Amino acid sequence: MPITSNEISVEVNGQKYTLSEGSTLGDALKISRVPSNVGTAIGILKETAEKRKELITEYAINTPKGEFRIEINNPELPSGKLWAEHFKEYEGKPVHWASSEALAFGPFEAEIKPSRGIRSFKEFDVLFGAGGFDPRNTHLIFSRKRHSAEYGIPEDGVFAAVVTGRNVLFKLSREDVILNIEPIIEWEQLSENICTTDLSTPLEDGNGIFTYFEVELSRNAPIGAEQFYALAREGRIDVDVITSSFISDDGLKGEPVPYENFEPRSEGAISIRTVGYGAGRIYISKEERPSSLVHSVVGHVTGGIELIKLAEKGQKLSAECLPPQIVLLGHSFQEAEPVLSSIGVGLVKDGYTGEDAVIVRQDPPTTLEILGEAKVTAYAVSRAQLIEIELHPEKAPKSVDFFRHALGLKTKIVGKLPVYMIYDDTYLFKTEKEVVKYKEILPENTPTNKVLAGEIGITNQAAKRMGTIGVRLIDDDLFGPTGEKFSSTNIIGRIIDPERLIGIKEGDAIYISEVGQVKRK
């Protein structure tokens, strides 16, 4: 049906819709019936792909020794046009010759008119040259240093310069080839494109709207993939850092992840830094980057990459993970069994199997390993043995972060806490993780007059038993939950039903589930 003058056509996540002129972003979401994730940003792309191509002056060249980029001096000159029309043909071309002054990929046939005479070249100039002044013997030449030579280049001379990755030029030898060449779109120059939460934003004919991005997690990185599942547990991620080449969410920075998958960080690659500053931070690449020994690739964006490129710092983006995460912890066998059966995964029950059983451990521990084995063993305890707690990160942010990290509650629904000592009405616990070595516990939210029954305390670094976790079943106006004086005790939250601790013995372990919090930020 043709569009009339008072109608506009828009695309929502790749599907076309016709709206009346003057319609808003909210109208487009309503007609497309896109589920709304409250507070998440939506990308609106106003420029067409054809117009974007006119902006391309930069290209990434990938080689076995790494990636470097060139910038075209003048796309309207003959050599600039030749490059733009034929650059894909240079993929697979080997280094034909290399010297201290320059190196050349080729040969190949090109429509150039070689000129005679010695010419001067600056460091990192890029040019076409014809061996023997024969266009059928053309090479792509990169200058390594300032020098003069006769390369049989066209009259318009140097057409580009190497702008990044210049050190790669000095690593290349005759064993290397051009793996691929990709144009770089300067998205930041497209001022008409926006990312917004304002549903009253007016739309124009031809707008592309992106409400979420889709992620396929990699079976080569099951542990890292589980970290991304945890980050996107609410169906969204936060844009904490933004650069020209990536966005990142720092919600799980500091949570260790093993290096699992070495591969190039292509556009849309999701990677986790595994060592060094920022370990645990999750990155989404906006453009091609080479493989890294500190970035494990855990998945790829398979739809909605435009939203990633349009996002602004501080925004939240909707995310959909494929395959969906398998979450057994905190659920009953009756809830888990039909879900697992529907995806062809067998369930082996372990531990307590009564009607009030609640799953607190699973083996394998990750979604992708469960799917790969098509079987999972779930260990359960009675519902009364699952201790529900409420934490107060606004009052004791560092101590709550320590507690969540120590019990794995930043990435899991249920955490395990071994019982260290019991005396009178006091229960002391020590974490399985050796986290005290690299986590500070400075005094914060220390009590002043009284500690209430069920309040959770952590001994801070003012006392020798730093990191000890404790709970008392009675009020106390002298000592904190860990038996320390008030100045050495940080109060981080409370147990919803402290009576559930009665009957627990030293050497046992309790299982903790946090209420009121989903995403660990």
Protein backbone atom coordinates (compact mmCIF):
# COMPACT_ATOMS: atom_id res chain seq x y z
CA MET A 1 0.00 0.00 0.00
CA PRO A 2 1.58 3.33 -1.06
CA ILE A 3 2.41 5.91 1.61
CA THR A 4 0.37 9.14 1.38
CA SER A 5 1.73 12.63 1.91
CA ASN A 6 0.49 12.72 5.51
CA GLU A 7 2.13 9.41 6.44
CA ILE A 8 5.70 8.38 7.26
CA SER A 9 7.47 5.02 7.14
CA VAL A 10 9.76 3.90 9.98
CA GLU A 11 11.55 0.70 10.93
CA VAL A 12 11.41 -0.70 14.47
CA ASN A 13 14.07 -3.36 15.07
CA GLY A 14 14.12 -4.08 11.32
CA GLN A 15 10.33 -4.25 10.80
CA LYS A 16 8.61 -1.57 8.70
CA TYR A 17 5.56 0.36 9.96
CA THR A 18 3.48 3.20 8.59
CA LEU A 19 2.60 6.07 10.94
CA SER A 20 0.76 9.34 10.55
CA GLU A 21 2.91 12.45 10.11
CA GLY A 22 3.80 14.00 13.48
CA SER A 23 3.98 10.64 15.26
CA THR A 24 6.35 10.16 18.19
CA LEU A 25 8.69 7.45 19.39
CA GLY A 26 5.98 6.31 21.78
CA ASP A 27 3.54 5.89 18.89
CA ALA A 28 6.06 3.69 17.04
CA LEU A 29 6.55 1.47 20.07
CA LYS A 30 2.80 1.15 20.52
CA ILE A 31 2.06 0.12 16.94
CA SER A 32 5.01 -2.29 16.85
CA ARG A 33 4.06 -3.80 20.24
CA VAL A 34 7.65 -3.75 21.37
CA PRO A 35 7.90 -4.61 25.06
CA SER A 36 9.28 -1.66 26.99
CA ASN A 37 12.12 -2.00 29.49
CA VAL A 38 11.45 1.07 31.62
CA GLY A 39 14.31 3.56 31.66
CA THR A 40 16.30 2.04 28.82
CA ALA A 41 17.47 4.21 25.93
CA ILE A 42 16.26 3.78 22.34
CA GLY A 43 18.36 4.58 19.29
CA ILE A 44 16.95 6.57 16.38
CA LEU A 45 18.98 6.42 13.18
CA LYS A 46 18.14 9.29 10.83
CA GLU A 47 20.81 9.02 8.17
CA THR A 48 20.68 6.41 5.39
CA ALA A 49 23.49 3.94 4.76
CA GLU A 50 24.20 5.55 1.39
CA LYS A 51 24.82 8.92 2.98
CA ARG A 52 27.04 7.41 5.64
CA LYS A 53 29.33 5.88 3.01
CA GLU A 54 30.20 9.36 1.74
CA LEU A 55 31.88 10.02 5.09
CA ILE A 56 34.31 7.11 4.85
CA THR A 57 37.91 8.24 4.68
CA GLU A 58 39.44 5.78 7.14
CA TYR A 59 40.08 2.06 6.63
CA ALA A 60 41.32 -0.70 8.94
CA ILE A 61 43.84 -3.15 7.44
CA ASN A 62 44.24 -6.40 9.35
CA THR A 63 47.37 -8.54 9.06
CA PRO A 64 48.79 -11.55 10.97
CA LYS A 65 50.98 -9.08 12.91
CA GLY A 66 48.10 -6.79 13.90
CA GLU A 67 45.87 -4.03 12.60
CA PHE A 68 46.75 -0.58 11.33
CA ARG A 69 44.61 2.15 9.80
CA ILE A 70 45.00 4.51 6.91
CA GLU A 71 43.26 7.79 6.18
CA ILE A 72 42.60 8.87 2.58
CA ASN A 73 43.98 12.35 1.80
CA ASN A 74 41.46 13.26 -0.91
CA PRO A 75 38.78 10.74 -1.96
CA GLU A 76 38.14 12.73 -5.17
CA LEU A 77 41.61 12.24 -6.65
CA PRO A 78 42.16 9.24 -9.01
CA SER A 79 44.15 7.14 -6.52
CA GLY A 80 41.61 7.83 -3.77
CA LYS A 81 38.78 6.72 -6.04
CA LEU A 82 40.76 3.67 -7.14
CA TRP A 83 41.20 2.65 -3.51
CA ALA A 84 37.52 3.21 -2.63
CA GLU A 85 36.32 1.11 -5.58
CA HIS A 86 38.82 -1.76 -5.35
CA PHE A 87 40.18 -2.01 -1.75
CA LYS A 88 38.47 -5.39 -1.18
CA GLU A 89 40.49 -6.80 -4.09
CA TYR A 90 43.70 -6.24 -2.12
CA GLU A 91 42.67 -8.72 0.60
CA GLY A 92 44.89 -11.80 0.46
CA LYS A 93 47.75 -9.94 -1.24
CA PRO A 94 51.15 -10.88 0.26
CA VAL A 95 54.12 -8.71 1.12
CA HIS A 96 56.00 -8.88 -2.20
CA TRP A 97 59.05 -7.00 -1.05
CA ALA A 98 60.23 -5.19 2.10
CA SER A 99 63.16 -2.93 2.93
CA SER A 100 64.06 -0.61 5.79
CA GLU A 101 62.45 2.23 3.81
CA ALA A 102 59.18 0.70 2.59
CA LEU A 103 57.18 -2.46 2.02
CA ALA A 104 54.80 -3.41 -0.79
CA PHE A 105 51.81 -5.74 -1.09
CA GLY A 106 51.00 -7.24 -4.47
CA PRO A 107 51.28 -7.46 -7.33
CA PHE A 108 47.90 -6.81 -8.96
CA GLU A 109 46.59 -5.07 -12.05
CA ALA A 110 45.25 -1.53 -11.62
CA GLU A 111 44.13 1.35 -13.82
CA ILE A 112 46.96 3.75 -13.04
CA LYS A 113 49.23 5.81 -15.26
CA PRO A 114 52.77 5.36 -13.88
CA SER A 115 55.09 8.37 -13.96
CA ARG A 116 58.87 8.33 -14.15
CA GLY A 117 61.25 10.13 -11.85
CA ILE A 118 62.47 9.97 -8.27
CA ARG A 119 59.96 11.25 -5.68
CA SER A 120 60.33 12.04 -1.97
CA PHE A 121 58.14 10.30 0.60
CA LYS A 122 57.39 10.97 4.24
CA GLU A 123 57.18 8.35 6.97
CA PHE A 124 53.87 6.40 6.77
CA ASP A 125 52.85 7.62 3.30
CA VAL A 126 50.63 5.21 1.31
CA LEU A 127 50.79 5.03 -2.50
CA PHE A 128 50.27 2.87 -5.56
CA GLY A 129 53.42 2.02 -7.53
CA ALA A 130 53.97 0.08 -10.75
CA GLY A 131 57.02 -2.17 -10.99
CA GLY A 132 58.74 -1.66 -14.33
CA PHE A 133 56.13 1.10 -14.98
CA ASP A 134 53.67 -1.66 -15.89
CA PRO A 135 50.08 -1.19 -14.47
CA ARG A 136 49.73 -4.99 -14.51
CA ASN A 137 52.50 -5.08 -11.86
CA THR A 138 50.98 -2.59 -9.42
CA HIS A 139 51.77 -2.68 -5.69
CA LEU A 140 50.30 -1.08 -2.58
CA ILE A 141 53.33 0.60 -0.98
CA PHE A 142 53.77 1.80 2.62
CA SER A 143 56.65 4.11 3.49
CA ARG A 144 58.44 3.09 6.68
CA LYS A 145 60.63 6.19 6.89
CA ARG A 146 61.42 9.40 5.05
CA HIS A 147 63.20 8.55 1.79
CA SER A 148 63.36 9.12 -1.98
CA ALA A 149 62.72 6.49 -4.65
CA GLU A 150 61.30 5.82 -8.10
CA TYR A 151 58.23 3.59 -7.71
CA GLY A 152 56.38 4.40 -10.92
CA ILE A 153 53.57 6.09 -8.99
CA PRO A 154 50.63 7.96 -10.61
CA GLU A 155 50.78 11.73 -11.05
CA ASP A 156 48.52 12.38 -8.02
CA GLY A 157 51.18 10.68 -5.89
CA VAL A 158 50.57 9.72 -2.24
CA PHE A 159 46.86 9.10 -1.61
CA ALA A 160 46.77 8.17 2.13
CA ALA A 161 48.69 8.01 5.40
CA VAL A 162 48.94 5.40 8.15
CA VAL A 163 47.28 6.99 11.20
CA THR A 164 47.16 4.21 13.83
CA GLY A 165 48.99 0.94 14.44
CA ARG A 166 52.13 2.28 12.78
CA ASN A 167 54.35 -0.12 14.71
CA VAL A 168 52.72 -3.00 12.79
CA LEU A 169 54.45 -1.83 9.59
CA PHE A 170 57.83 -2.62 11.13
CA LYS A 171 56.76 -6.16 12.12
CA LEU A 172 55.60 -7.24 8.67
CA SER A 173 57.74 -9.49 6.47
CA ARG A 174 57.37 -11.51 3.26
CA GLU A 175 55.51 -14.26 5.13
CA ASP A 176 52.58 -11.89 5.84
CA VAL A 177 49.44 -11.02 3.87
CA ILE A 178 46.53 -8.60 4.08
CA LEU A 179 43.83 -10.57 5.89
CA ASN A 180 40.99 -8.09 5.42
CA ILE A 181 40.24 -4.41 4.88
CA GLU A 182 37.22 -2.70 6.43
CA PRO A 183 35.93 0.86 6.05
CA ILE A 184 35.48 2.83 9.29
CA ILE A 185 32.25 4.80 9.65
CA GLU A 186 32.64 7.90 11.80
CA TRP A 187 29.40 7.59 13.71
CA GLU A 188 30.16 10.53 15.96
CA GLN A 189 29.89 12.85 12.97
CA LEU A 190 26.27 11.86 12.33
CA SER A 191 24.67 14.51 14.57
CA GLU A 192 21.14 13.65 13.45
CA ASN A 193 21.28 10.27 15.14
CA ILE A 194 20.13 10.15 18.75
CA CYS A 195 19.70 7.75 21.66
CA THR A 196 16.96 8.76 24.07
CA THR A 197 14.45 7.70 26.72
CA ASP A 198 12.03 10.46 25.70
CA LEU A 199 9.03 8.76 24.09
CA SER A 200 7.67 12.13 22.93
CA THR A 201 10.58 12.49 20.47
CA PRO A 202 9.07 13.26 17.01
CA LEU A 203 9.84 10.89 14.18
CA GLU A 204 10.62 11.52 10.52
CA ASP A 205 10.12 9.48 7.40
CA GLY A 206 12.81 6.82 7.03
CA ASN A 207 13.85 6.69 10.69
CA GLY A 208 15.31 3.43 11.98
CA ILE A 209 14.47 2.65 15.61
CA PHE A 210 16.43 0.20 17.78
CA THR A 211 15.01 -0.70 21.18
CA TYR A 212 17.36 -3.55 22.17
CA PHE A 213 20.40 -5.49 21.10
CA GLU A 214 20.64 -9.27 20.82
CA VAL A 215 23.60 -11.27 22.12
CA GLU A 216 24.68 -14.81 21.25
CA LEU A 217 26.95 -16.17 23.97
CA SER A 218 29.97 -18.28 23.01
CA ARG A 219 30.22 -21.95 24.02
CA ASN A 220 33.99 -21.43 23.99
CA ALA A 221 33.65 -19.22 27.08
CA PRO A 222 30.98 -20.70 29.40
CA ILE A 223 32.23 -19.02 32.59
CA GLY A 224 32.61 -15.61 30.95
CA ALA A 225 29.20 -16.01 29.33
CA GLU A 226 27.69 -16.65 32.77
CA GLN A 227 29.25 -13.36 33.91
CA PHE A 228 27.46 -11.55 31.09
CA TYR A 229 24.20 -13.31 31.97
CA ALA A 230 24.59 -12.00 35.52
CA LEU A 231 25.29 -8.49 34.30
CA ALA A 232 22.18 -8.51 32.08
CA ARG A 233 19.99 -10.30 34.59
CA GLU A 234 17.39 -7.52 34.48
CA GLY A 235 17.45 -7.54 30.68
CA ARG A 236 19.67 -4.50 30.43
CA ILE A 237 23.21 -3.21 30.82
CA ASP A 238 24.61 0.15 31.91
CA VAL A 239 26.84 2.29 29.70
CA ASP A 240 29.52 3.28 32.22
CA VAL A 241 32.33 4.03 29.76
CA ILE A 242 32.13 5.05 26.12
CA THR A 243 34.90 5.55 23.54
CA SER A 244 35.06 5.56 19.76
CA SER A 245 35.82 1.81 19.75
CA PHE A 246 33.77 0.33 22.62
CA ILE A 247 31.24 0.75 25.40
CA SER A 248 31.61 -0.98 28.75
CA ASP A 249 29.60 -1.87 31.84
CA ASP A 250 31.63 -1.77 35.08
CA GLY A 251 28.98 -3.49 37.22
CA LEU A 252 31.11 -6.59 37.73
CA LYS A 253 34.54 -4.97 37.65
CA GLY A 254 36.69 -6.80 40.17
CA GLU A 255 34.90 -10.13 39.74
CA PRO A 256 37.54 -12.61 38.50
CA VAL A 257 36.94 -14.50 35.25
CA PRO A 258 39.36 -16.99 33.64
CA TYR A 259 40.69 -16.41 30.14
CA GLU A 260 38.79 -18.82 27.88
CA ASN A 261 38.53 -17.63 24.28
CA PHE A 262 41.18 -16.02 22.07
CA GLU A 263 39.74 -14.50 18.91
CA PRO A 264 39.64 -11.10 17.15
CA ARG A 265 37.38 -8.53 18.77
CA SER A 266 35.23 -7.94 15.72
CA GLU A 267 32.46 -5.35 15.59
CA GLY A 268 29.91 -6.42 18.18
CA ALA A 269 32.30 -8.72 20.05
CA ILE A 270 31.66 -8.96 23.80
CA SER A 271 34.82 -9.44 25.81
CA ILE A 272 35.84 -9.48 29.46
CA ARG A 273 39.15 -8.17 30.73
CA THR A 274 40.67 -11.03 32.72
CA VAL A 275 43.78 -9.45 34.30
CA GLY A 276 45.11 -6.05 35.29
CA TYR A 277 43.29 -2.83 35.98
CA GLY A 278 39.59 -3.15 35.16
CA ALA A 279 39.56 -6.97 35.36
CA GLY A 280 35.96 -8.17 35.24
CA ARG A 281 34.81 -5.19 33.15
CA ILE A 282 32.67 -6.20 30.18
CA TYR A 283 33.31 -4.53 26.80
CA ILE A 284 31.22 -4.41 23.63
CA SER A 285 33.27 -3.50 20.56
CA LYS A 286 31.93 -0.84 18.20
CA GLU A 287 34.61 -1.54 15.60
CA GLU A 288 37.24 -4.13 14.68
CA ARG A 289 40.08 -4.70 17.12
CA PRO A 290 42.74 -7.46 17.09
CA SER A 291 42.78 -10.36 19.55
CA SER A 292 44.12 -9.64 23.02
CA LEU A 293 45.71 -11.86 25.65
CA VAL A 294 43.82 -9.99 28.38
CA HIS A 295 40.38 -9.84 26.72
CA SER A 296 38.45 -13.12 26.57
CA VAL A 297 35.69 -13.01 23.93
CA VAL A 298 32.45 -14.37 25.47
CA GLY A 299 29.85 -13.57 22.82
CA HIS A 300 28.75 -11.41 19.90
CA VAL A 301 26.01 -8.90 19.19
CA THR A 302 23.87 -10.50 16.49
CA GLY A 303 21.27 -7.76 16.19
CA GLY A 304 20.92 -4.10 17.15
CA ILE A 305 24.60 -3.11 16.89
CA GLU A 306 23.28 0.33 15.90
CA LEU A 307 22.05 0.81 19.46
CA ILE A 308 25.54 0.09 20.80
CA LYS A 309 27.04 2.67 18.44
CA LEU A 310 24.46 5.34 19.28
CA ALA A 311 24.51 4.88 23.08
CA GLU A 312 25.62 7.67 25.39
CA LYS A 313 27.41 7.47 28.72
CA GLY A 314 25.09 6.93 31.67
CA GLN A 315 22.30 5.29 29.66
CA LYS A 316 20.82 1.83 30.12
CA LEU A 317 20.35 -0.47 27.11
CA SER A 318 17.96 -3.40 26.74
CA ALA A 319 19.67 -6.71 26.01
CA GLU A 320 18.38 -10.14 25.00
CA CYS A 321 20.63 -13.16 25.50
CA LEU A 322 20.71 -16.28 23.33
CA PRO A 323 20.45 -18.93 24.51
CA PRO A 324 18.46 -17.74 27.57
CA GLN A 325 20.17 -18.27 30.91
CA ILE A 326 19.27 -21.42 32.87
CA VAL A 327 18.58 -20.27 36.45
CA LEU A 328 17.92 -23.11 38.88
CA LEU A 329 19.19 -21.59 42.15
CA GLY A 330 16.41 -20.44 44.42
CA HIS A 331 13.78 -22.52 42.60
CA SER A 332 12.03 -25.76 43.51
CA PHE A 333 12.36 -29.04 41.64
CA GLN A 334 8.71 -28.64 40.57
CA GLU A 335 9.58 -25.31 38.93
CA ALA A 336 12.84 -26.46 37.34
CA GLU A 337 11.82 -29.84 35.91
CA PRO A 338 9.31 -28.72 33.22
CA VAL A 339 11.59 -25.90 32.07
CA LEU A 340 14.57 -28.22 31.68
CA SER A 341 12.44 -30.91 30.01
CA SER A 342 11.22 -28.38 27.40
CA ILE A 343 14.82 -27.74 26.25
CA GLY A 344 15.92 -31.38 26.39
CA VAL A 345 17.98 -31.20 29.58
CA GLY A 346 17.79 -34.04 32.10
CA LEU A 347 17.55 -33.25 35.82
CA VAL A 348 19.32 -35.29 38.50
CA LYS A 349 18.04 -34.47 42.00
CA ASP A 350 20.50 -34.41 44.88
CA GLY A 351 20.25 -33.52 48.58
CA TYR A 352 16.85 -32.84 50.09
CA THR A 353 13.96 -33.78 47.76
CA GLY A 354 10.86 -32.94 49.82
CA GLU A 355 8.06 -30.74 48.52
CA ASP A 356 9.63 -27.68 50.14
CA ALA A 357 13.06 -28.30 48.55
CA VAL A 358 14.89 -25.31 47.10
CA ILE A 359 17.90 -25.64 44.78
CA VAL A 360 21.09 -24.06 46.10
CA ARG A 361 23.80 -25.65 43.88
CA GLN A 362 24.00 -26.98 40.34
CA ASP A 363 26.57 -28.98 38.42
CA PRO A 364 27.65 -27.97 35.79
CA PRO A 365 27.47 -24.43 37.13
CA THR A 366 27.02 -22.60 33.79
CA THR A 367 24.21 -22.39 31.25
CA LEU A 368 26.33 -23.33 28.25
CA GLU A 369 27.88 -26.35 29.96
CA ILE A 370 24.42 -27.58 30.98
CA LEU A 371 23.19 -27.27 27.39
CA GLY A 372 26.32 -28.98 26.10
CA GLU A 373 25.92 -31.98 28.41
CA ALA A 374 22.08 -31.96 28.23
CA LYS A 375 22.08 -32.85 31.93
CA VAL A 376 22.37 -31.04 35.26
CA THR A 377 22.62 -32.22 38.86
CA ALA A 378 20.75 -29.92 41.26
CA TYR A 379 21.43 -30.00 45.02
CA ALA A 380 18.62 -28.79 47.26
CA VAL A 381 17.92 -28.02 50.92
CA SER A 382 14.61 -27.44 52.68
CA ARG A 383 13.13 -23.99 52.21
CA ALA A 384 13.68 -23.33 55.95
CA GLN A 385 17.45 -23.69 55.43
CA LEU A 386 17.61 -20.92 52.84
CA ILE A 387 18.37 -17.73 54.75
CA GLU A 388 16.89 -14.61 53.17
CA ILE A 389 18.67 -11.35 53.88
CA GLU A 390 18.22 -7.66 53.17
CA LEU A 391 21.39 -5.61 52.58
CA HIS A 392 21.94 -1.86 52.95
CA PRO A 393 24.43 -0.77 50.27
CA GLU A 394 23.43 2.88 50.69
CA LYS A 395 24.69 2.78 54.31
CA ALA A 396 27.72 0.51 53.94
CA PRO A 397 28.63 0.31 50.23
CA LYS A 398 32.17 -1.10 50.60
CA SER A 399 31.20 -3.70 53.18
CA VAL A 400 28.15 -4.83 51.18
CA ASP A 401 30.34 -5.14 48.10
CA PHE A 402 32.77 -7.28 50.11
CA PHE A 403 29.93 -9.51 51.32
CA ARG A 404 28.38 -9.99 47.88
CA HIS A 405 31.76 -10.66 46.35
CA ALA A 406 32.72 -13.16 49.06
CA LEU A 407 29.52 -15.17 48.67
CA GLY A 408 29.29 -14.89 44.88
CA LEU A 409 26.03 -12.95 45.14
CA LYS A 410 27.14 -10.53 42.46
CA THR A 411 26.78 -13.27 39.85
CA LYS A 412 24.49 -15.85 41.51
CA ILE A 413 21.10 -15.88 43.20
CA VAL A 414 22.23 -18.07 46.12
CA GLY A 415 25.53 -17.96 48.04
CA LYS A 416 27.14 -20.37 50.47
CA LEU A 417 28.46 -19.28 53.90
CA PRO A 418 30.26 -21.78 56.22
CA VAL A 419 29.61 -21.62 59.98
CA TYR A 420 32.84 -20.82 61.80
CA MET A 421 31.79 -20.66 65.45
CA ILE A 422 28.65 -20.61 67.61
CA TYR A 423 28.47 -19.39 71.20
CA ASP A 424 25.52 -18.22 73.27
CA ASP A 425 23.24 -16.48 70.75
CA THR A 426 26.08 -15.50 68.39
CA TYR A 427 26.77 -17.13 65.02
CA LEU A 428 30.10 -16.45 63.30
CA PHE A 429 30.86 -17.20 59.65
CA LYS A 430 33.95 -17.12 57.45
CA THR A 431 33.78 -16.95 53.68
CA GLU A 432 35.08 -19.73 51.42
CA LYS A 433 36.83 -17.17 49.21
CA GLU A 434 40.11 -15.71 50.45
CA VAL A 435 38.97 -12.16 49.82
CA VAL A 436 40.34 -10.34 52.84
CA LYS A 437 43.77 -10.25 51.21
CA TYR A 438 42.64 -7.83 48.51
CA LYS A 439 39.48 -6.18 49.85
CA GLU A 440 39.58 -3.29 52.34
CA ILE A 441 36.97 -3.21 55.05
CA LEU A 442 37.12 0.34 56.37
CA PRO A 443 34.79 1.35 59.22
CA GLU A 444 31.35 2.34 57.93
CA ASN A 445 27.84 2.23 59.38
CA THR A 446 29.18 1.32 62.81
CA PRO A 447 26.47 1.05 65.51
CA THR A 448 26.24 3.65 68.28
CA ASN A 449 23.69 2.55 70.89
CA LYS A 450 22.34 -0.92 70.16
CA VAL A 451 22.61 -3.81 67.70
CA LEU A 452 19.28 -5.47 66.94
CA ALA A 453 18.69 -9.20 66.75
CA GLY A 454 19.20 -10.50 63.20
CA GLU A 455 21.45 -7.64 62.06
CA ILE A 456 24.44 -8.80 60.00
CA GLY A 457 27.83 -7.40 60.97
CA ILE A 458 31.34 -7.62 59.52
CA THR A 459 34.47 -7.03 61.58
CA ASN A 460 36.30 -4.12 59.98
CA GLN A 461 40.06 -3.58 59.81
CA ALA A 462 40.15 -1.90 63.22
CA ALA A 463 40.20 -5.42 64.72
CA LYS A 464 42.34 -8.52 64.14
CA ARG A 465 39.49 -10.74 62.89
CA MET A 466 38.77 -8.50 59.92
CA GLY A 467 36.31 -10.12 57.51
CA THR A 468 34.48 -12.23 60.09
CA ILE A 469 30.72 -12.18 59.54
CA GLY A 470 28.32 -12.48 62.45
CA VAL A 471 24.67 -12.47 63.53
CA ARG A 472 23.13 -12.39 67.03
CA LEU A 473 19.68 -13.65 67.94
CA ILE A 474 19.20 -11.05 70.70
CA ASP A 475 19.63 -7.28 70.94
CA ASP A 476 22.94 -6.06 72.41
CA ASP A 477 24.04 -2.60 73.53
CA LEU A 478 27.71 -3.48 74.15
CA PHE A 479 29.03 -5.65 71.33
CA GLY A 480 28.34 -6.09 67.61
CA PRO A 481 27.16 -9.26 65.82
CA THR A 482 30.74 -10.60 65.56
CA GLY A 483 31.47 -10.08 69.28
CA GLU A 484 33.62 -7.00 68.59
CA LYS A 485 33.10 -3.54 70.04
CA PHE A 486 30.90 -1.19 68.02
CA SER A 487 33.81 0.76 66.48
CA SER A 488 35.15 -2.48 64.94
CA THR A 489 31.79 -3.57 63.50
CA ASN A 490 30.14 -2.61 60.21
CA ILE A 491 26.39 -3.30 59.97
CA ILE A 492 25.51 -4.35 56.40
CA GLY A 493 21.90 -5.57 56.64
CA ARG A 494 19.64 -8.02 58.42
CA ILE A 495 18.32 -11.58 58.24
CA ILE A 496 14.60 -11.58 57.45
CA ASP A 497 13.89 -14.55 59.78
CA PRO A 498 16.84 -15.02 62.18
CA GLU A 499 15.07 -17.92 63.92
CA ARG A 500 16.07 -20.08 60.93
CA LEU A 501 19.61 -20.18 62.36
CA ILE A 502 18.49 -22.20 65.38
CA GLY A 503 19.73 -25.77 65.12
CA ILE A 504 22.67 -24.99 62.85
CA LYS A 505 25.99 -26.45 64.08
CA GLU A 506 29.64 -25.46 63.73
CA GLY A 507 31.02 -26.84 60.48
CA ASP A 508 27.67 -26.58 58.72
CA ALA A 509 27.05 -24.16 55.87
CA ILE A 510 24.06 -21.91 55.37
CA TYR A 511 22.74 -20.74 52.03
CA ILE A 512 22.00 -17.06 51.55
CA SER A 513 19.55 -15.39 49.16
CA GLU A 514 19.31 -11.63 48.92
CA VAL A 515 15.89 -10.02 48.63
CA GLY A 516 15.24 -6.62 47.08
CA GLN A 517 18.29 -6.70 44.81
CA VAL A 518 18.73 -8.28 41.38
CA LYS A 519 21.59 -6.57 39.59
CA ARG A 520 24.83 -6.32 41.53
CA LYS A 521 25.92 -2.74 40.97
